[in-house]
PDB file of N, CA and C in Angstrom:
ATOM      1  N   MET A   1     -38.902  -6.887  17.365  1.00  0.00           N
ATOM      2  CA  MET A   1     -37.634  -7.279  16.924  1.00  0.00           C
ATOM      3  C   MET A   1     -37.863  -7.480  15.237  1.00  0.00           C
ATOM      4  N   VAL A   2     -36.868  -7.766  15.003  1.00  0.00           N
ATOM      5  CA  VAL A   2     -36.367  -8.455  13.747  1.00  0.00           C
ATOM      6  C   VAL A   2     -36.735  -9.968  13.294  1.00  0.00           C
ATOM      7  N   GLU A   3     -37.192  -9.164  11.710  1.00  0.00           N
ATOM      8  CA  GLU A   3     -37.791 -10.978  11.658  1.00  0.00           C
ATOM      9  C   GLU A   3     -36.082 -11.716  11.127  1.00  0.00           C
ATOM     10  N   PRO A   4     -36.797 -12.837  11.146  1.00  0.00           N
ATOM     11  CA  PRO A   4     -35.239 -13.708  10.088  1.00  0.00           C
ATOM     12  C   PRO A   4     -34.549 -13.791   9.059  1.00  0.00           C
ATOM     13  N   SER A   5     -35.504 -13.652   8.151  1.00  0.00           N
ATOM     14  CA  SER A   5     -35.528 -13.216   6.945  1.00  0.00           C
ATOM     15  C   SER A   5     -35.234 -11.845   7.089  1.00  0.00           C
ATOM     16  N   SER A   6     -34.934 -10.874   7.712  1.00  0.00           N
ATOM     17  CA  SER A   6     -34.263  -9.374   8.037  1.00  0.00           C
ATOM     18  C   SER A   6     -32.729  -9.910   8.136  1.00  0.00           C
ATOM     19  N   TRP A   7     -33.254 -10.293   8.904  1.00  0.00           N
ATOM     20  CA  TRP A   7     -32.105 -10.076   9.707  1.00  0.00           C
ATOM     21  C   TRP A   7     -30.384 -10.822   9.200  1.00  0.00           C
ATOM     22  N   ARG A   8     -30.640 -11.964   8.171  1.00  0.00           N
ATOM     23  CA  ARG A   8     -30.148 -12.668   6.795  1.00  0.00           C
ATOM     24  C   ARG A   8     -29.885 -11.631   5.874  1.00  0.00           C
ATOM     25  N   ASN A   9     -31.035 -10.668   5.560  1.00  0.00           N
ATOM     26  CA  ASN A   9     -30.401 -10.115   4.873  1.00  0.00           C
ATOM     27  C   ASN A   9     -29.290  -9.192   4.980  1.00  0.00           C
ATOM     28  N   VAL A  10     -29.702  -8.195   6.446  1.00  0.00           N
ATOM     29  CA  VAL A  10     -28.530  -7.118   7.117  1.00  0.00           C
ATOM     30  C   VAL A  10     -27.412  -8.273   7.212  1.00  0.00           C
ATOM     31  N   LEU A  11     -26.212  -8.954   7.576  1.00  0.00           N
ATOM     32  CA  LEU A  11     -26.088 -10.280   7.795  1.00  0.00           C
ATOM     33  C   LEU A  11     -25.210  -9.859   6.071  1.00  0.00           C
ATOM     34  N   TYR A  12     -26.700 -10.868   5.069  1.00  0.00           N
ATOM     35  CA  TYR A  12     -25.673 -10.726   3.984  1.00  0.00           C
ATOM     36  C   TYR A  12     -25.218  -9.209   3.385  1.00  0.00           C
ATOM     37  N   LEU A  13     -25.724  -8.155   3.492  1.00  0.00           N
ATOM     38  CA  LEU A  13     -25.243  -6.605   3.126  1.00  0.00           C
ATOM     39  C   LEU A  13     -23.955  -6.822   3.551  1.00  0.00           C
ATOM     40  N   ARG A  14     -23.916  -7.394   4.677  1.00  0.00           N
ATOM     41  CA  ARG A  14     -23.349  -6.374   5.866  1.00  0.00           C
ATOM     42  C   ARG A  14     -21.876  -7.135   5.191  1.00  0.00           C
ATOM     43  N   HIS A  15     -21.685  -8.178   5.158  1.00  0.00           N
ATOM     44  CA  HIS A  15     -20.411  -9.727   4.244  1.00  0.00           C
ATOM     45  C   HIS A  15     -20.319  -8.432   3.345  1.00  0.00           C
ATOM     46  N   ASN A  16     -21.403  -8.646   2.070  1.00  0.00           N
ATOM     47  CA  ASN A  16     -20.870  -8.180   1.016  1.00  0.00           C
ATOM     48  C   ASN A  16     -19.945  -6.495   0.859  1.00  0.00           C
ATOM     49  N   LEU A  17     -20.404  -5.439   2.027  1.00  0.00           N
ATOM     50  CA  LEU A  17     -19.838  -4.457   2.475  1.00  0.00           C
ATOM     51  C   LEU A  17     -18.478  -4.984   2.881  1.00  0.00           C
ATOM     52  N   ASN A  18     -18.225  -5.729   3.834  1.00  0.00           N
ATOM     53  CA  ASN A  18     -17.286  -5.697   3.994  1.00  0.00           C
ATOM     54  C   ASN A  18     -16.038  -6.433   3.147  1.00  0.00           C
ATOM     55  N   ALA A  19     -16.572  -6.886   2.288  1.00  0.00           N
ATOM     56  CA  ALA A  19     -15.471  -7.846   1.504  1.00  0.00           C
ATOM     57  C   ALA A  19     -15.351  -6.594   0.214  1.00  0.00           C
ATOM     58  N   GLN A  20     -16.598  -6.018   0.356  1.00  0.00           N
ATOM     59  CA  GLN A  20     -15.854  -4.686  -0.609  1.00  0.00           C
ATOM     60  C   GLN A  20     -14.843  -3.676  -0.405  1.00  0.00           C
ATOM     61  N   ALA A  21     -15.038  -3.601   0.633  1.00  0.00           N
ATOM     62  CA  ALA A  21     -13.949  -2.598   1.049  1.00  0.00           C
ATOM     63  C   ALA A  21     -12.337  -3.587   1.557  1.00  0.00           C
ATOM     64  N   VAL A  22     -12.472  -4.348   1.914  1.00  0.00           N
ATOM     65  CA  VAL A  22     -11.260  -5.931   2.071  1.00  0.00           C
ATOM     66  C   VAL A  22     -10.083  -5.996   0.773  1.00  0.00           C
ATOM     67  N   ALA A  23     -11.064  -5.509  -1.001  1.00  0.00           N
ATOM     68  CA  ALA A  23     -10.598  -5.459  -2.116  1.00  0.00           C
ATOM     69  C   ALA A  23     -10.075  -4.215  -2.794  1.00  0.00           C
ATOM     70  N   SER A  24     -10.913  -3.451  -1.651  1.00  0.00           N
ATOM     71  CA  SER A  24     -10.663  -2.423  -1.936  1.00  0.00           C
ATOM     72  C   SER A  24      -9.315  -1.416  -1.386  1.00  0.00           C
ATOM     73  N   LEU A  25      -8.928  -2.203  -0.383  1.00  0.00           N
ATOM     74  CA  LEU A  25      -7.805  -1.646   0.895  1.00  0.00           C
ATOM     75  C   LEU A  25      -6.342  -2.506   0.249  1.00  0.00           C
ATOM     76  N   ARG A  26      -6.784  -3.999  -0.447  1.00  0.00           N
ATOM     77  CA  ARG A  26      -5.957  -4.394  -1.005  1.00  0.00           C
ATOM     78  C   ARG A  26      -5.418  -4.124  -2.380  1.00  0.00           C
ATOM     79  N   GLY A  27      -6.758  -3.307  -3.652  1.00  0.00           N
ATOM     80  CA  GLY A  27      -5.519  -2.081  -4.054  1.00  0.00           C
ATOM     81  C   GLY A  27      -4.813  -1.402  -4.009  1.00  0.00           C
ATOM     82  N   GLU A  28      -5.162  -0.944  -2.935  1.00  0.00           N
ATOM     83  CA  GLU A  28      -4.828   0.588  -1.796  1.00  0.00           C
ATOM     84  C   GLU A  28      -2.915  -0.313  -1.410  1.00  0.00           C
ATOM     85  N   LEU A  29      -3.652  -1.022  -1.485  1.00  0.00           N
ATOM     86  CA  LEU A  29      -1.974  -1.501  -0.749  1.00  0.00           C
ATOM     87  C   LEU A  29      -1.139  -1.730  -1.702  1.00  0.00           C
ATOM     88  N   ASP A  30      -1.457  -2.670  -3.147  1.00  0.00           N
ATOM     89  CA  ASP A  30       0.090  -2.445  -3.683  1.00  0.00           C
ATOM     90  C   ASP A  30      -0.680  -1.581  -4.489  1.00  0.00           C
ATOM     91  N   THR A  31      -0.937  -0.613  -4.406  1.00  0.00           N
ATOM     92  CA  THR A  31      -0.348   1.347  -5.186  1.00  0.00           C
ATOM     93  C   THR A  31       0.630   2.076  -4.086  1.00  0.00           C
ATOM     94  N   ILE A  32       0.320   1.005  -3.065  1.00  0.00           N
ATOM     95  CA  ILE A  32       1.504   2.066  -1.954  1.00  0.00           C
ATOM     96  C   ILE A  32       2.715   1.198  -1.748  1.00  0.00           C
ATOM     97  N   ASN A  33       2.502  -0.715  -2.327  1.00  0.00           N
ATOM     98  CA  ASN A  33       3.711  -1.090  -2.343  1.00  0.00           C
ATOM     99  C   ASN A  33       4.514  -0.491  -3.210  1.00  0.00           C
ATOM    100  N   THR A  34       3.619  -0.672  -4.598  1.00  0.00           N
ATOM    101  CA  THR A  34       4.493  -0.029  -5.580  1.00  0.00           C
ATOM    102  C   THR A  34       5.420   1.243  -5.543  1.00  0.00           C
ATOM    103  N   ASP A  35       4.506   2.350  -4.579  1.00  0.00           N
ATOM    104  CA  ASP A  35       5.597   3.485  -4.527  1.00  0.00           C
ATOM    105  C   ASP A  35       6.667   3.523  -3.951  1.00  0.00           C
ATOM    106  N   VAL A  36       6.013   2.955  -2.520  1.00  0.00           N
ATOM    107  CA  VAL A  36       7.147   2.819  -1.840  1.00  0.00           C
ATOM    108  C   VAL A  36       8.471   2.273  -2.288  1.00  0.00           C
ATOM    109  N   ASP A  37       8.505   1.198  -3.084  1.00  0.00           N
ATOM    110  CA  ASP A  37       9.743   0.873  -4.062  1.00  0.00           C
ATOM    111  C   ASP A  37       9.889   1.553  -4.931  1.00  0.00           C
ATOM    112  N   SER A  38       9.543   2.230  -5.421  1.00  0.00           N
ATOM    113  CA  SER A  38       9.612   3.472  -6.539  1.00  0.00           C
ATOM    114  C   SER A  38      10.721   4.675  -5.285  1.00  0.00           C
ATOM    115  N   LEU A  39      10.431   5.078  -4.921  1.00  0.00           N
ATOM    116  CA  LEU A  39      11.209   5.839  -3.494  1.00  0.00           C
ATOM    117  C   LEU A  39      12.670   5.382  -3.390  1.00  0.00           C
ATOM    118  N   VAL A  40      12.403   3.897  -2.481  1.00  0.00           N
ATOM    119  CA  VAL A  40      13.810   2.966  -2.261  1.00  0.00           C
ATOM    120  C   VAL A  40      14.440   3.034  -2.961  1.00  0.00           C
ATOM    121  N   ARG A  41      14.125   2.744  -4.519  1.00  0.00           N
ATOM    122  CA  ARG A  41      15.367   2.675  -5.813  1.00  0.00           C
ATOM    123  C   ARG A  41      15.700   4.408  -5.875  1.00  0.00           C
ATOM    124  N   ALA A  42      14.868   5.525  -5.878  1.00  0.00           N
ATOM    125  CA  ALA A  42      15.788   6.686  -5.923  1.00  0.00           C
ATOM    126  C   ALA A  42      16.431   6.641  -4.605  1.00  0.00           C
ATOM    127  N   MET A  43      15.902   6.954  -3.970  1.00  0.00           N
ATOM    128  CA  MET A  43      16.773   7.084  -2.137  1.00  0.00           C
ATOM    129  C   MET A  43      17.884   6.157  -2.371  1.00  0.00           C
ATOM    130  N   GLN A  44      17.743   4.777  -3.246  1.00  0.00           N
ATOM    131  CA  GLN A  44      18.950   4.846  -3.023  1.00  0.00           C
ATOM    132  C   GLN A  44      20.450   4.781  -4.162  1.00  0.00           C
ATOM    133  N   GLN A  45      19.505   5.765  -5.745  1.00  0.00           N
ATOM    134  CA  GLN A  45      20.328   5.293  -6.538  1.00  0.00           C
ATOM    135  C   GLN A  45      20.702   7.210  -6.285  1.00  0.00           C
ATOM    136  N   ALA A  46      20.296   8.191  -4.888  1.00  0.00           N
ATOM    137  CA  ALA A  46      20.942   9.586  -4.548  1.00  0.00           C
ATOM    138  C   ALA A  46      21.642   9.342  -3.232  1.00  0.00           C
ATOM    139  N   ILE A  47      21.257   7.590  -3.093  1.00  0.00           N
ATOM    140  CA  ILE A  47      22.479   7.659  -1.925  1.00  0.00           C
ATOM    141  C   ILE A  47      23.767   7.316  -2.858  1.00  0.00           C
ATOM    142  N   ALA A  48      23.946   6.773  -3.978  1.00  0.00           N
ATOM    143  CA  ALA A  48      25.165   5.462  -4.763  1.00  0.00           C
ATOM    144  C   ALA A  48      25.251   7.101  -5.389  1.00  0.00           C
ATOM    145  N   GLU A  49      25.033   8.235  -5.410  1.00  0.00           N
ATOM    146  CA  GLU A  49      25.944   9.471  -6.190  1.00  0.00           C
ATOM    147  C   GLU A  49      26.129  10.011  -5.299  1.00  0.00           C
ATOM    148  N   SER A  50      25.363  10.985  -3.867  1.00  0.00           N
ATOM    149  CA  SER A  50      26.308  10.829  -3.321  1.00  0.00           C
ATOM    150  C   SER A  50      27.973  10.339  -2.667  1.00  0.00           C
ATOM    151  N   ASP A  51      27.622   9.345  -2.587  1.00  0.00           N
ATOM    152  CA  ASP A  51      28.996   8.817  -2.087  1.00  0.00           C
ATOM    153  C   ASP A  51      29.955   9.028  -3.242  1.00  0.00           C
ATOM    154  N   ARG A  52      29.393   8.786  -4.621  1.00  0.00           N
ATOM    155  CA  ARG A  52      30.516   8.739  -5.653  1.00  0.00           C
ATOM    156  C   ARG A  52      30.948  10.750  -5.610  1.00  0.00           C
ATOM    157  N   PHE A  53      30.184  11.123  -5.402  1.00  0.00           N
ATOM    158  CA  PHE A  53      30.468  12.220  -5.340  1.00  0.00           C
ATOM    159  C   PHE A  53      31.427  12.673  -4.025  1.00  0.00           C
ATOM    160  N   ILE A  54      31.281  11.959  -2.654  1.00  0.00           N
ATOM    161  CA  ILE A  54      31.852  12.508  -1.625  1.00  0.00           C
ATOM    162  C   ILE A  54      33.276  11.037  -1.922  1.00  0.00           C
ATOM    163  N   ALA A  55      34.041  10.414  -2.621  1.00  0.00           N
ATOM    164  CA  ALA A  55      34.540  10.155  -2.738  1.00  0.00           C
ATOM    165  C   ALA A  55      35.664  10.617  -3.777  1.00  0.00           C
ATOM    166  N   GLU A  56      35.131  11.686  -4.880  1.00  0.00           N
ATOM    167  CA  GLU A  56      35.455  12.312  -5.232  1.00  0.00           C
ATOM    168  C   GLU A  56      36.157  13.430  -4.769  1.00  0.00           C
ATOM    169  N   MET A  57      35.356  14.524  -4.348  1.00  0.00           N
ATOM    170  CA  MET A  57      36.022  15.087  -3.470  1.00  0.00           C
ATOM    171  C   MET A  57      36.828  14.410  -2.686  1.00  0.00           C
ATOM    172  N   ARG A  58      37.032  13.483  -2.120  1.00  0.00           N
ATOM    173  CA  ARG A  58      37.939  13.121  -1.700  1.00  0.00           C
ATOM    174  C   ARG A  58      39.709  12.976  -2.202  1.00  0.00           C
ATOM    175  N   GLY A  59      39.556  12.984  -3.606  1.00  0.00           N
ATOM    176  CA  GLY A  59      40.386  12.445  -4.339  1.00  0.00           C
ATOM    177  C   GLY A  59      40.869  10.849  -3.799  1.00  0.00           C
ATOM    178  N   GLN A  60      39.838  10.053  -4.147  1.00  0.00           N
ATOM    179  CA  GLN A  60      39.856   8.713  -3.814  1.00  0.00           C
ATOM    180  C   GLN A  60      39.105   8.118  -5.486  1.00  0.00           C
TER     181      GLN A  60
END
C-alpha cells in the first residue's frame, strides 16, 4: 500500500509535469499560429498577383 505522504508526492509531481506540458503546448500553439498567419498572408499575396496577371491577359 502506498503511504499517504508518498501519494501526495506523486500527485504533486504529476501536477507539475502536466503544468509544464501545458505551458510547452501553449508556446507551440503560439508558434503555429504565427506560422499559419504568415502562410495565409503569402497565399493572399499570390492570389492577388494571379488575379492581376489574369486581368492583364484578358486585357482588362
